[in-house]
N, C-alpha and C. Protein backbone atom coordinates (compact mmCIF):
# COMPACT_ATOMS: atom_id res chain seq x y z
N UNK A 1 95.75 156.06 162.45
CA UNK A 1 95.48 155.46 161.44
C UNK A 1 95.51 156.71 160.21
N UNK A 2 95.97 156.18 158.85
CA UNK A 2 96.33 157.08 157.77
C UNK A 2 94.99 157.43 157.57
N UNK A 3 94.93 158.68 156.75
CA UNK A 3 93.87 159.82 156.52
C UNK A 3 93.88 160.30 155.38
N UNK A 4 93.20 160.35 154.53
CA UNK A 4 93.11 161.51 153.16
C UNK A 4 92.09 163.00 153.67
N UNK A 5 93.07 163.95 153.35
CA UNK A 5 91.91 165.01 153.79
C UNK A 5 91.72 166.00 151.96
N UNK A 6 90.84 166.01 151.79
CA UNK A 6 90.41 166.29 150.20
C UNK A 6 90.12 167.64 150.53
N UNK A 7 90.50 168.68 149.84
CA UNK A 7 90.39 170.16 149.69
C UNK A 7 90.34 170.91 148.00
N UNK A 8 89.44 171.61 148.30
CA UNK A 8 89.76 172.55 147.25
C UNK A 8 89.69 173.93 147.64
N UNK A 9 90.33 174.92 146.46
CA UNK A 9 90.98 176.50 146.62
C UNK A 9 91.10 176.16 148.31
N UNK A 10 91.69 175.41 148.96
CA UNK A 10 91.86 175.46 150.68
C UNK A 10 90.90 174.96 151.51
N UNK A 11 89.22 174.90 150.57
CA UNK A 11 88.36 174.31 151.44
C UNK A 11 88.26 172.76 151.47
N UNK A 12 88.10 172.41 153.06
CA UNK A 12 88.08 171.08 152.71
C UNK A 12 87.06 170.48 152.55
N UNK A 13 87.00 169.53 151.73
CA UNK A 13 85.01 168.94 151.54
C UNK A 13 85.24 167.63 151.90
N UNK A 14 86.26 166.98 152.38
CA UNK A 14 86.15 165.43 152.89
C UNK A 14 87.18 164.99 153.52
N UNK A 15 86.96 164.14 154.81
CA UNK A 15 87.91 163.26 155.34
C UNK A 15 88.10 162.09 154.89
N UNK A 16 88.76 161.30 155.28
CA UNK A 16 88.57 159.82 154.28
C UNK A 16 89.43 158.77 155.45
N UNK A 17 89.00 158.13 156.26
CA UNK A 17 90.05 157.25 157.01
C UNK A 17 90.72 156.06 156.00
N UNK A 18 91.88 155.97 155.98
CA UNK A 18 91.95 154.34 155.36
C UNK A 18 91.96 153.38 156.33
N UNK A 19 91.09 152.71 156.14
CA UNK A 19 91.02 151.34 156.52
C UNK A 19 91.39 150.17 155.94
N UNK A 20 91.26 150.31 154.66
CA UNK A 20 90.98 149.11 154.05
C UNK A 20 92.30 148.71 153.45
N UNK A 21 92.85 147.55 153.01
CA UNK A 21 93.93 147.50 152.22
C UNK A 21 94.22 147.94 151.04
N UNK A 22 92.95 148.22 149.88
CA UNK A 22 92.97 148.78 148.91
C UNK A 22 91.99 149.94 149.14
N UNK A 23 92.26 151.42 148.59
CA UNK A 23 91.08 152.22 148.54
C UNK A 23 91.52 153.03 147.49
N UNK A 24 90.08 152.94 146.84
CA UNK A 24 90.44 153.28 145.43
C UNK A 24 89.50 155.19 145.58
N UNK A 25 89.67 155.60 144.09
CA UNK A 25 89.70 157.00 144.11
C UNK A 25 89.83 157.45 142.68
N UNK A 26 88.14 158.21 142.26
CA UNK A 26 87.94 158.56 140.73
C UNK A 26 86.74 159.05 140.79
N UNK A 27 86.20 159.16 139.63
CA UNK A 27 84.70 159.96 139.44
C UNK A 27 83.47 158.85 139.66
N UNK A 28 83.74 157.53 139.40
CA UNK A 28 82.45 156.79 139.53
C UNK A 28 82.33 156.76 140.99
N UNK A 29 80.98 156.41 141.52
CA UNK A 29 80.17 156.38 142.53
C UNK A 29 80.59 155.33 143.41
N UNK A 30 81.30 154.26 142.83
CA UNK A 30 81.43 153.01 143.60
C UNK A 30 82.77 153.36 144.50
N UNK A 31 83.67 153.87 143.55
CA UNK A 31 85.20 154.19 144.01
C UNK A 31 84.67 154.92 146.11
N UNK A 32 86.01 154.30 146.57
CA UNK A 32 85.89 154.91 148.24
C UNK A 32 85.81 156.30 148.41
N UNK A 33 86.82 156.81 147.54
CA UNK A 33 86.85 158.64 147.45
C UNK A 33 86.04 158.82 146.21
N UNK A 34 85.03 159.41 146.38
CA UNK A 34 84.75 159.88 145.34
C UNK A 34 84.83 161.10 144.77
N UNK A 35 85.46 161.64 143.58
CA UNK A 35 85.97 163.27 143.40
C UNK A 35 85.09 163.57 142.36
N UNK A 36 83.57 164.03 142.36
CA UNK A 36 82.84 164.11 140.76
C UNK A 36 83.11 165.29 140.54
N UNK A 37 83.99 165.27 139.43
CA UNK A 37 84.99 166.59 138.61
C UNK A 37 85.45 165.84 137.36
N UNK A 38 85.10 166.41 136.22
CA UNK A 38 86.08 165.87 134.66
C UNK A 38 86.80 165.89 134.59
N UNK A 39 88.04 166.71 135.59
CA UNK A 39 89.29 166.40 135.60
C UNK A 39 89.77 165.42 136.31
N UNK A 40 88.72 164.34 136.74
CA UNK A 40 89.14 163.09 137.71
C UNK A 40 88.34 161.87 136.92
N UNK A 41 89.45 160.81 136.53
CA UNK A 41 88.81 159.89 135.77
C UNK A 41 88.07 158.73 136.65
N UNK A 42 87.40 158.41 135.68
CA UNK A 42 86.22 157.08 136.71
C UNK A 42 87.14 156.33 137.54
N UNK A 43 88.19 155.54 137.37
CA UNK A 43 89.07 155.00 138.48
C UNK A 43 90.54 155.32 138.25
N UNK A 44 90.57 156.63 139.22
CA UNK A 44 91.83 157.42 138.51
C UNK A 44 93.40 156.75 139.38
N UNK A 45 93.05 156.52 140.86
CA UNK A 45 94.15 156.30 141.84
C UNK A 45 93.88 155.03 142.56
N UNK A 46 94.61 154.38 142.85
CA UNK A 46 94.55 153.53 144.40
C UNK A 46 95.75 153.68 145.44
N UNK A 47 95.02 153.91 146.86
CA UNK A 47 95.94 153.58 147.63
C UNK A 47 95.70 151.96 148.06
N UNK A 48 97.08 151.29 148.59
CA UNK A 48 97.44 150.00 148.97
C UNK A 48 97.82 150.16 150.18
N UNK A 49 97.58 149.77 151.34
CA UNK A 49 98.54 149.49 152.31
C UNK A 49 98.84 148.14 152.86
N UNK A 50 100.12 148.37 153.21
CA UNK A 50 101.07 146.81 153.39
C UNK A 50 101.73 147.42 154.67
N UNK A 51 101.09 146.73 155.58
CA UNK A 51 101.67 146.81 157.42
C UNK A 51 101.13 148.63 157.71
N UNK A 52 101.96 149.14 157.89
CA UNK A 52 102.19 150.49 158.19
C UNK A 52 102.47 151.68 156.73
N UNK A 53 102.96 151.02 155.88
CA UNK A 53 103.14 151.90 154.40
C UNK A 53 101.77 151.82 153.74
N UNK A 54 102.19 153.19 153.13
CA UNK A 54 100.69 153.30 152.16
C UNK A 54 101.46 153.63 150.65
N UNK A 55 100.94 152.93 149.55
CA UNK A 55 102.18 152.95 148.46
C UNK A 55 100.39 153.84 147.66
N UNK A 56 100.67 154.71 146.56
CA UNK A 56 99.43 155.44 145.98
C UNK A 56 99.76 154.96 144.41
N UNK A 57 99.36 154.58 143.80
CA UNK A 57 99.44 153.93 142.23
C UNK A 57 98.18 154.78 141.36
N UNK A 58 98.76 155.12 140.35
CA UNK A 58 97.78 155.86 139.26
C UNK A 58 97.48 154.83 138.51
N UNK A 59 96.23 154.76 138.22
CA UNK A 59 95.59 153.64 137.31
C UNK A 59 95.37 154.46 136.15
N UNK A 60 96.13 154.76 135.22
CA UNK A 60 96.70 155.51 134.05
C UNK A 60 95.38 156.25 133.80
N UNK A 61 95.56 157.40 134.72
CA UNK A 61 94.51 158.70 134.30
C UNK A 61 94.56 159.09 133.54
N UNK A 62 93.52 159.75 132.94
CA UNK A 62 93.65 161.45 131.51
C UNK A 62 94.90 162.10 132.31
N UNK A 63 94.11 162.91 133.10
CA UNK A 63 95.27 164.18 133.64
C UNK A 63 96.34 163.49 135.00
N UNK A 64 96.47 162.45 134.57
CA UNK A 64 97.07 161.97 136.08
C UNK A 64 97.72 162.37 137.37
N UNK A 65 98.23 161.73 138.15
CA UNK A 65 98.63 161.87 139.40
C UNK A 65 99.83 162.55 139.97
N UNK A 66 99.56 163.39 141.12
CA UNK A 66 100.63 164.26 141.17
C UNK A 66 101.28 163.61 142.66
N UNK A 67 101.98 163.92 143.15
CA UNK A 67 102.48 163.93 145.21
C UNK A 67 103.43 165.28 144.99
N UNK A 68 103.18 166.07 145.68
CA UNK A 68 104.36 167.08 145.87
C UNK A 68 104.73 167.95 144.84
N UNK A 69 103.73 167.59 143.75
CA UNK A 69 104.06 168.82 142.36
C UNK A 69 104.89 167.87 140.99
N UNK A 70 104.64 166.88 141.74
CA UNK A 70 105.57 165.59 140.70
C UNK A 70 104.85 164.55 140.45
N UNK A 71 104.85 164.59 138.99
CA UNK A 71 104.03 163.20 138.44
C UNK A 71 104.40 161.90 139.00
N UNK A 72 103.51 160.98 138.96
CA UNK A 72 103.94 159.89 139.94
C UNK A 72 103.18 158.56 138.91
N UNK A 73 104.01 157.50 139.25
CA UNK A 73 102.95 155.99 138.52
C UNK A 73 102.88 155.71 139.69
N UNK A 74 103.48 155.10 140.99
CA UNK A 74 103.59 154.44 142.22
C UNK A 74 104.41 154.65 142.72
N UNK A 75 103.97 155.10 144.36
CA UNK A 75 104.53 156.12 145.28
C UNK A 75 104.07 155.53 146.10
N UNK A 76 105.20 155.10 147.30
CA UNK A 76 105.00 155.17 148.84
C UNK A 76 104.56 156.29 149.32
N UNK A 77 103.67 156.79 149.80
CA UNK A 77 103.08 158.00 150.84
C UNK A 77 103.69 158.38 152.12
N UNK A 78 104.29 159.25 152.58
CA UNK A 78 104.87 159.68 153.97
C UNK A 78 103.88 160.73 154.24
N UNK A 79 103.59 160.72 155.46
CA UNK A 79 102.89 161.55 156.16
C UNK A 79 102.95 163.25 155.72
N UNK A 80 102.32 164.35 155.38
CA UNK A 80 102.52 165.10 154.98
C UNK A 80 102.41 165.74 153.40
N UNK A 81 102.45 164.59 152.60
CA UNK A 81 102.30 164.58 151.35
C UNK A 81 101.13 165.33 150.72
N UNK A 82 101.33 166.01 149.65
CA UNK A 82 99.92 166.38 149.35
C UNK A 82 100.03 165.39 147.70
N UNK A 83 98.93 165.19 147.48
CA UNK A 83 98.34 164.29 146.56
C UNK A 83 97.38 165.05 145.58
N UNK A 84 97.86 165.83 144.67
CA UNK A 84 97.08 166.72 143.70
C UNK A 84 96.48 165.99 142.38
N UNK A 85 95.39 166.40 142.41
CA UNK A 85 94.40 165.75 141.30
C UNK A 85 93.77 166.54 140.85
N UNK A 86 93.90 167.42 139.50
CA UNK A 86 92.99 168.31 139.13
C UNK A 86 93.26 169.64 139.54
N UNK A 87 92.12 170.23 140.59
CA UNK A 87 92.10 171.50 140.94
C UNK A 87 92.15 170.88 142.74
N UNK A 88 91.84 169.80 142.99
CA UNK A 88 91.70 168.70 144.29
C UNK A 88 93.20 168.72 144.70
N UNK A 89 93.10 169.20 146.57
CA UNK A 89 94.70 168.44 146.64
C UNK A 89 94.36 167.70 147.87
N UNK A 90 94.65 166.70 147.85
CA UNK A 90 94.39 165.62 148.95
C UNK A 90 96.22 165.48 149.77
N UNK A 91 95.81 165.92 151.10
CA UNK A 91 96.93 165.80 152.34
C UNK A 91 96.64 164.33 152.89
N UNK A 92 97.83 164.01 152.60
CA UNK A 92 98.21 162.33 153.35
C UNK A 92 98.24 162.38 154.94
N UNK A 93 97.74 162.25 155.87
CA UNK A 93 98.12 162.21 157.03
C UNK A 93 98.18 160.71 157.99
N UNK A 94 99.31 160.34 158.56
CA UNK A 94 99.81 159.21 159.32
C UNK A 94 100.23 159.28 160.14
N UNK A 95 99.24 159.68 161.43
CA UNK A 95 99.86 160.31 162.62
C UNK A 95 100.80 159.16 163.50
N UNK A 96 100.83 158.03 163.13
CA UNK A 96 101.30 157.13 163.90
C UNK A 96 102.80 156.44 162.88
N UNK A 97 102.84 157.10 162.14
CA UNK A 97 103.92 156.79 161.23
C UNK A 97 105.98 157.66 161.80
N UNK A 98 106.40 156.43 161.61
CA UNK A 98 107.65 157.11 162.20
C UNK A 98 108.64 158.42 161.11
N UNK A 99 108.37 159.25 160.62
CA UNK A 99 108.83 159.84 159.42
C UNK A 99 110.54 160.20 159.54
N UNK A 100 110.96 159.94 160.69
CA UNK A 100 112.02 160.23 160.83
C UNK A 100 112.53 159.14 160.09
N UNK A 101 112.07 157.75 159.89
CA UNK A 101 112.98 156.78 159.16
C UNK A 101 112.74 156.60 157.77
N UNK A 102 111.19 156.49 157.79
CA UNK A 102 110.34 156.24 156.58
C UNK A 102 110.78 157.52 155.26
N UNK A 103 111.52 156.91 154.39
CA UNK A 103 111.64 157.81 153.37
C UNK A 103 110.52 157.19 152.10
N UNK A 104 110.58 158.39 150.74
CA UNK A 104 109.97 157.80 149.96
C UNK A 104 110.60 156.94 149.20
N UNK A 105 109.80 156.13 148.63
CA UNK A 105 110.25 155.18 147.65
C UNK A 105 109.75 154.81 146.27
N UNK A 106 110.21 154.90 145.08
CA UNK A 106 109.61 154.68 144.30
C UNK A 106 110.36 154.07 143.11
N UNK A 107 109.41 153.22 142.68
CA UNK A 107 109.23 151.86 142.06
C UNK A 107 109.56 152.29 140.79
N UNK A 108 110.27 152.14 139.92
CA UNK A 108 110.84 152.57 138.45
C UNK A 108 110.57 151.21 137.92
N UNK A 109 109.94 151.45 136.40
CA UNK A 109 109.70 150.67 135.71
C UNK A 109 111.18 149.83 135.11
N UNK A 110 111.27 148.47 135.49
CA UNK A 110 112.34 147.57 134.71
C UNK A 110 113.41 147.81 136.05
N UNK A 111 113.16 148.08 136.99
CA UNK A 111 114.32 147.93 138.08
C UNK A 111 113.89 146.58 139.09
N UNK A 112 115.20 146.00 139.07
CA UNK A 112 115.30 144.92 139.90
C UNK A 112 115.21 144.97 141.72
N UNK A 113 116.32 145.90 141.76
CA UNK A 113 116.46 146.19 143.03
C UNK A 113 116.20 147.38 142.93
N UNK A 114 116.07 148.60 144.11
CA UNK A 114 115.83 149.52 144.37
C UNK A 114 115.62 149.71 145.98
N UNK A 115 116.17 150.75 146.35
CA UNK A 115 116.47 151.05 148.10
C UNK A 115 115.82 152.83 148.20
N UNK A 116 115.51 152.83 149.06
CA UNK A 116 115.14 154.19 149.80
C UNK A 116 116.39 154.39 150.64
N UNK A 117 116.90 155.61 150.02
CA UNK A 117 117.52 156.51 150.76
C UNK A 117 117.09 157.25 152.00
N UNK A 118 117.60 157.97 153.62
CA UNK A 118 119.34 157.25 153.15
C UNK A 118 119.38 156.25 154.45
N UNK A 119 120.09 155.42 154.20
CA UNK A 119 120.99 154.29 155.51
C UNK A 119 120.54 154.44 156.79
N UNK A 120 120.13 153.85 157.59
CA UNK A 120 119.84 154.25 159.31
C UNK A 120 120.63 153.18 159.76
N UNK A 121 120.89 153.57 161.03
CA UNK A 121 121.24 152.89 161.79
C UNK A 121 120.51 152.53 163.40
N UNK A 122 119.84 150.84 163.22
CA UNK A 122 119.16 150.63 164.36
C UNK A 122 119.34 149.43 164.91
N UNK A 123 118.64 149.00 165.98
CA UNK A 123 119.20 147.98 166.66
C UNK A 123 118.86 146.80 166.13
N UNK A 124 119.37 146.44 165.03
CA UNK A 124 119.05 145.28 164.20
C UNK A 124 119.92 144.65 163.54
N UNK A 125 120.26 143.36 163.40
CA UNK A 125 121.41 142.82 163.08
C UNK A 125 121.50 142.73 161.20
N UNK A 126 122.54 142.96 160.73
CA UNK A 126 122.52 143.38 159.40
C UNK A 126 122.01 141.82 158.59
N UNK A 127 121.56 142.14 157.38
CA UNK A 127 120.72 141.14 156.89
C UNK A 127 121.25 141.50 155.59
N UNK A 128 121.06 140.60 154.30
CA UNK A 128 121.17 140.39 153.28
C UNK A 128 119.92 139.38 152.45
N UNK A 129 119.88 139.59 150.86
CA UNK A 129 119.25 138.85 150.44
C UNK A 129 119.94 137.95 149.19
N UNK A 130 119.97 136.76 149.21
CA UNK A 130 120.81 135.98 148.56
C UNK A 130 119.67 135.32 147.66
N UNK A 131 120.23 135.48 146.29
CA UNK A 131 120.01 135.27 144.97
C UNK A 131 120.31 133.38 144.58
N UNK A 132 119.55 132.99 145.11
CA UNK A 132 119.07 131.31 144.77
C UNK A 132 119.25 130.75 143.41
N UNK A 133 118.60 131.55 142.42
CA UNK A 133 118.14 130.47 141.08
C UNK A 133 118.47 131.94 139.81
N UNK A 134 118.19 131.29 138.85
CA UNK A 134 118.65 132.67 137.82
C UNK A 134 119.70 132.89 137.19
N UNK A 135 120.18 134.17 136.47
CA UNK A 135 121.32 134.81 136.19
C UNK A 135 122.11 135.24 137.32
N UNK A 136 121.49 135.69 138.01
CA UNK A 136 122.02 136.51 139.29
C UNK A 136 122.29 135.66 140.50
N UNK A 137 122.38 134.05 140.25
CA UNK A 137 122.49 133.05 141.39
C UNK A 137 123.83 133.63 142.08
N UNK A 138 123.70 133.47 143.15
CA UNK A 138 124.85 134.28 144.07
C UNK A 138 125.20 135.14 144.69
N UNK A 139 124.59 135.98 143.76
CA UNK A 139 124.42 137.42 144.35
C UNK A 139 123.92 137.96 145.76
N UNK A 140 124.18 138.53 146.39
CA UNK A 140 123.59 138.90 147.79
C UNK A 140 123.39 140.57 147.65
N UNK A 141 122.39 140.94 147.86
CA UNK A 141 121.54 142.29 148.17
C UNK A 141 121.48 142.90 149.32
N UNK A 142 122.55 143.68 149.95
CA UNK A 142 122.59 143.79 151.43
C UNK A 142 121.35 144.41 151.54
N UNK A 143 120.88 144.32 152.66
CA UNK A 143 119.31 145.07 153.53
C UNK A 143 120.22 145.96 154.43
N UNK A 144 120.38 147.49 153.55
CA UNK A 144 121.10 148.53 154.77
C UNK A 144 120.29 149.94 154.32
N UNK A 145 118.78 149.90 153.50
CA UNK A 145 118.26 150.71 153.49
C UNK A 145 117.14 150.29 154.27
N UNK A 146 116.25 151.52 154.39
CA UNK A 146 115.05 151.53 155.04
C UNK A 146 114.22 150.22 154.63
N UNK A 147 113.66 150.81 153.21
CA UNK A 147 112.86 149.91 151.90
C UNK A 147 114.32 149.39 151.11
N UNK A 148 113.93 148.02 150.98
CA UNK A 148 114.25 147.77 149.96
C UNK A 148 113.46 146.80 148.90
N UNK A 149 113.67 146.73 147.63
CA UNK A 149 112.16 146.29 146.57
C UNK A 149 113.19 145.58 145.68
N UNK A 150 112.24 144.30 146.08
CA UNK A 150 113.02 143.44 144.93
C UNK A 150 111.75 142.63 143.97
N UNK A 151 112.12 142.22 142.53
CA UNK A 151 111.11 141.63 141.96
C UNK A 151 111.28 142.14 140.72
N UNK A 152 110.07 141.57 139.56
CA UNK A 152 110.22 142.38 138.49
C UNK A 152 108.70 143.29 138.09
N UNK A 153 108.61 144.41 138.08
CA UNK A 153 107.64 145.52 137.82
C UNK A 153 106.71 144.34 137.11
N UNK A 154 105.36 144.87 137.31
CA UNK A 154 104.60 144.05 136.32
C UNK A 154 103.86 142.69 136.56
N UNK A 155 105.06 141.97 136.86
CA UNK A 155 105.02 140.19 137.66
C UNK A 155 104.79 140.36 138.78
N UNK A 156 105.98 140.48 139.84
CA UNK A 156 105.63 140.66 140.68
C UNK A 156 106.60 141.34 141.99
N UNK A 157 106.34 142.61 142.89
CA UNK A 157 107.26 142.71 143.37
C UNK A 157 106.71 142.87 144.68
N UNK A 158 107.99 143.12 145.74
CA UNK A 158 107.76 142.84 146.94
C UNK A 158 108.52 143.94 147.68
N UNK A 159 108.21 144.59 148.74
CA UNK A 159 109.35 145.48 149.63
C UNK A 159 109.51 144.84 151.37
N UNK A 160 110.87 144.85 151.49
CA UNK A 160 111.32 144.05 152.39
C UNK A 160 111.53 145.42 153.44
N UNK A 161 111.58 145.66 154.55
CA UNK A 161 111.37 146.85 155.20
C UNK A 161 111.80 146.32 156.62
N UNK A 162 112.79 147.28 157.16
CA UNK A 162 113.66 147.42 158.26
C UNK A 162 112.99 147.94 159.20
N UNK A 163 112.49 147.20 160.49
CA UNK A 163 112.14 148.04 161.47
C UNK A 163 112.80 147.87 162.98
N UNK A 164 112.86 148.66 163.37
CA UNK A 164 113.44 147.81 164.89
C UNK A 164 113.34 147.24 165.19
N UNK A 165 112.49 145.89 165.51
CA UNK A 165 112.31 144.53 166.01
C UNK A 165 113.28 143.53 164.97
N UNK A 166 113.67 144.06 163.56
CA UNK A 166 114.05 143.02 162.53
C UNK A 166 113.30 143.41 161.51
N UNK A 167 112.97 142.45 160.26
CA UNK A 167 112.63 142.98 158.83
C UNK A 167 111.35 141.95 158.47
N UNK A 168 110.28 142.75 157.78
CA UNK A 168 109.49 142.04 157.30
C UNK A 168 109.47 142.19 155.67
N UNK A 169 108.60 141.72 155.57
CA UNK A 169 108.45 141.53 153.94
C UNK A 169 106.84 141.72 153.06
N UNK A 170 106.33 142.34 152.24
CA UNK A 170 104.92 142.17 151.88
C UNK A 170 105.32 142.33 150.72
N UNK A 171 103.72 142.11 150.08
CA UNK A 171 103.97 142.18 148.51
C UNK A 171 103.40 143.50 148.18
N UNK A 172 104.07 144.17 147.71
CA UNK A 172 103.27 145.63 146.80
C UNK A 172 102.68 145.22 145.48
N UNK A 173 103.16 144.61 144.69
CA UNK A 173 102.47 144.75 143.24
C UNK A 173 102.15 143.26 142.61
N UNK A 174 101.38 143.45 141.40
CA UNK A 174 102.12 142.17 140.74
C UNK A 174 100.53 140.76 140.70
N UNK A 175 100.57 139.82 139.76
CA UNK A 175 99.21 139.01 139.81
C UNK A 175 99.77 137.47 140.76
N UNK A 176 101.68 137.52 140.77
CA UNK A 176 101.67 136.42 141.12
C UNK A 176 102.52 136.71 142.74
N UNK A 177 101.75 136.48 143.34
CA UNK A 177 102.18 136.26 145.04
C UNK A 177 103.76 135.63 145.30
N UNK A 178 104.23 136.19 145.98
CA UNK A 178 105.60 135.86 146.31
C UNK A 178 105.21 134.85 147.59
N UNK A 179 106.24 134.17 147.80
CA UNK A 179 106.02 132.65 148.55
C UNK A 179 107.43 132.89 149.62
N UNK A 180 106.74 132.48 150.93
CA UNK A 180 108.15 132.34 152.17
C UNK A 180 108.09 130.87 152.28
N UNK A 181 109.08 130.21 152.20
CA UNK A 181 108.53 128.83 152.90
C UNK A 181 107.88 128.06 151.98
N UNK A 182 107.21 128.38 150.98
CA UNK A 182 106.54 127.72 150.36
C UNK A 182 104.89 128.25 150.57
N UNK A 183 104.96 129.11 151.26
CA UNK A 183 103.31 129.63 152.00
C UNK A 183 103.39 131.20 151.77
N UNK A 184 102.13 131.23 150.33
CA UNK A 184 102.11 132.79 149.65
C UNK A 184 101.76 133.52 151.07
N UNK A 185 102.30 134.97 149.87
CA UNK A 185 102.39 136.22 151.27
C UNK A 185 101.46 137.70 150.75
N UNK A 186 100.63 138.10 150.94
CA UNK A 186 99.94 139.14 150.53
C UNK A 186 100.51 140.22 150.90
N UNK A 187 99.66 141.92 150.95
CA UNK A 187 100.15 142.83 151.04
C UNK A 187 100.23 142.93 152.60
N UNK A 188 99.84 141.95 153.74
CA UNK A 188 100.34 142.42 154.99
C UNK A 188 101.51 141.73 155.27
N UNK A 189 102.33 142.67 156.14
CA UNK A 189 103.59 142.26 156.64
C UNK A 189 104.02 141.03 157.11
N UNK A 190 104.88 140.68 156.75
CA UNK A 190 105.39 139.18 157.48
C UNK A 190 106.80 139.22 157.91
N UNK A 191 106.74 138.98 158.99
CA UNK A 191 108.04 138.87 160.03
C UNK A 191 109.20 137.86 159.33
N UNK A 192 110.29 138.42 158.59
CA UNK A 192 111.48 137.22 158.32
C UNK A 192 112.57 136.90 159.10
N UNK A 193 112.78 135.45 158.81
CA UNK A 193 113.87 135.15 159.78
C UNK A 193 115.21 134.36 159.20
N UNK A 194 115.95 134.03 160.17
CA UNK A 194 117.02 133.73 159.32
C UNK A 194 117.22 132.57 158.63
N UNK A 195 117.50 132.09 156.97
CA UNK A 195 117.19 131.11 156.28
C UNK A 195 115.84 131.24 155.83
N UNK A 196 115.17 132.23 155.84
CA UNK A 196 113.94 132.01 155.11
C UNK A 196 113.85 131.87 153.68
N UNK A 197 113.15 130.91 152.87
CA UNK A 197 113.64 131.31 151.23
C UNK A 197 112.06 131.66 150.94
N UNK A 198 112.55 132.78 150.44
CA UNK A 198 111.45 133.30 149.14
C UNK A 198 111.79 133.33 147.80
N UNK A 199 110.58 133.16 147.09
CA UNK A 199 110.08 132.91 145.94
C UNK A 199 109.40 134.14 145.52
N UNK A 200 110.00 134.51 144.17
CA UNK A 200 109.34 136.01 143.74
C UNK A 200 109.32 135.85 142.17
N UNK A 201 108.14 135.69 141.44
CA UNK A 201 108.61 136.39 139.90
C UNK A 201 109.45 134.74 139.58
N UNK A 202 109.41 134.02 139.71
CA UNK A 202 110.12 132.94 139.48
C UNK A 202 111.83 132.58 139.79
N UNK A 203 112.22 133.60 140.62
CA UNK A 203 113.49 133.60 141.42
C UNK A 203 113.70 133.30 142.76
N UNK A 204 114.17 132.42 143.24
CA UNK A 204 114.33 132.22 144.37
C UNK A 204 115.25 132.86 145.18
N UNK A 205 115.25 133.09 146.38
CA UNK A 205 115.84 133.83 147.39
C UNK A 205 116.31 133.24 148.74
N UNK A 206 117.34 133.61 149.45
CA UNK A 206 117.28 133.39 150.54
C UNK A 206 117.33 134.28 151.63
N UNK A 207 116.91 134.92 152.67
CA UNK A 207 117.10 135.65 153.47
C UNK A 207 118.05 135.46 154.69
N UNK A 208 119.26 136.16 155.02
CA UNK A 208 120.29 135.67 155.69
C UNK A 208 120.67 136.97 156.59
N UNK A 209 120.27 136.95 157.89
CA UNK A 209 121.16 138.01 158.99
C UNK A 209 122.57 137.69 159.29
N UNK A 210 123.44 138.80 158.93
CA UNK A 210 124.82 138.60 158.72
C UNK A 210 125.31 138.78 160.33
């Protein structure tokens, strides 16, 4: 189970298991992880679980959120990553994660399709997402990366993850839930099957295995 180890000046002050789909961090007492320090905003950041993946999002904090020394807005965490907020360091530990395949993914504002590096070889049939509507109708996006994100940032974004047994999809962010064959999906990963119809941010797509 993933956990966050909070320390300051090398001294561990708390350890928090990530058991919920959404774990908040901030100075206010109602947060799941409370850090009572003026460098920390009242609602500073949130961690969202999507299957085995954990995404960290900065909630427009005053002093920012850093992962391994770099400022982030939203990023998938990997076991061993260090989150820095003010003088506090928070180590992300995910003992069950497959670190050799899961690579960091950053969702950039304005990106329609983004993918994590590197290409991996698994015993899974090749697959693609075929766009069925909109200006990109007819375009195929090969699913050759570990994680491919689709959608419109700020509206709806979903992540398709390549796993040893096949492909799964889960919602990453947005106010509109994606649908598979008309059924809405959330942050829990759902298995994809050949011919499944996805609708995301008003765009219809089809999952095809080649």
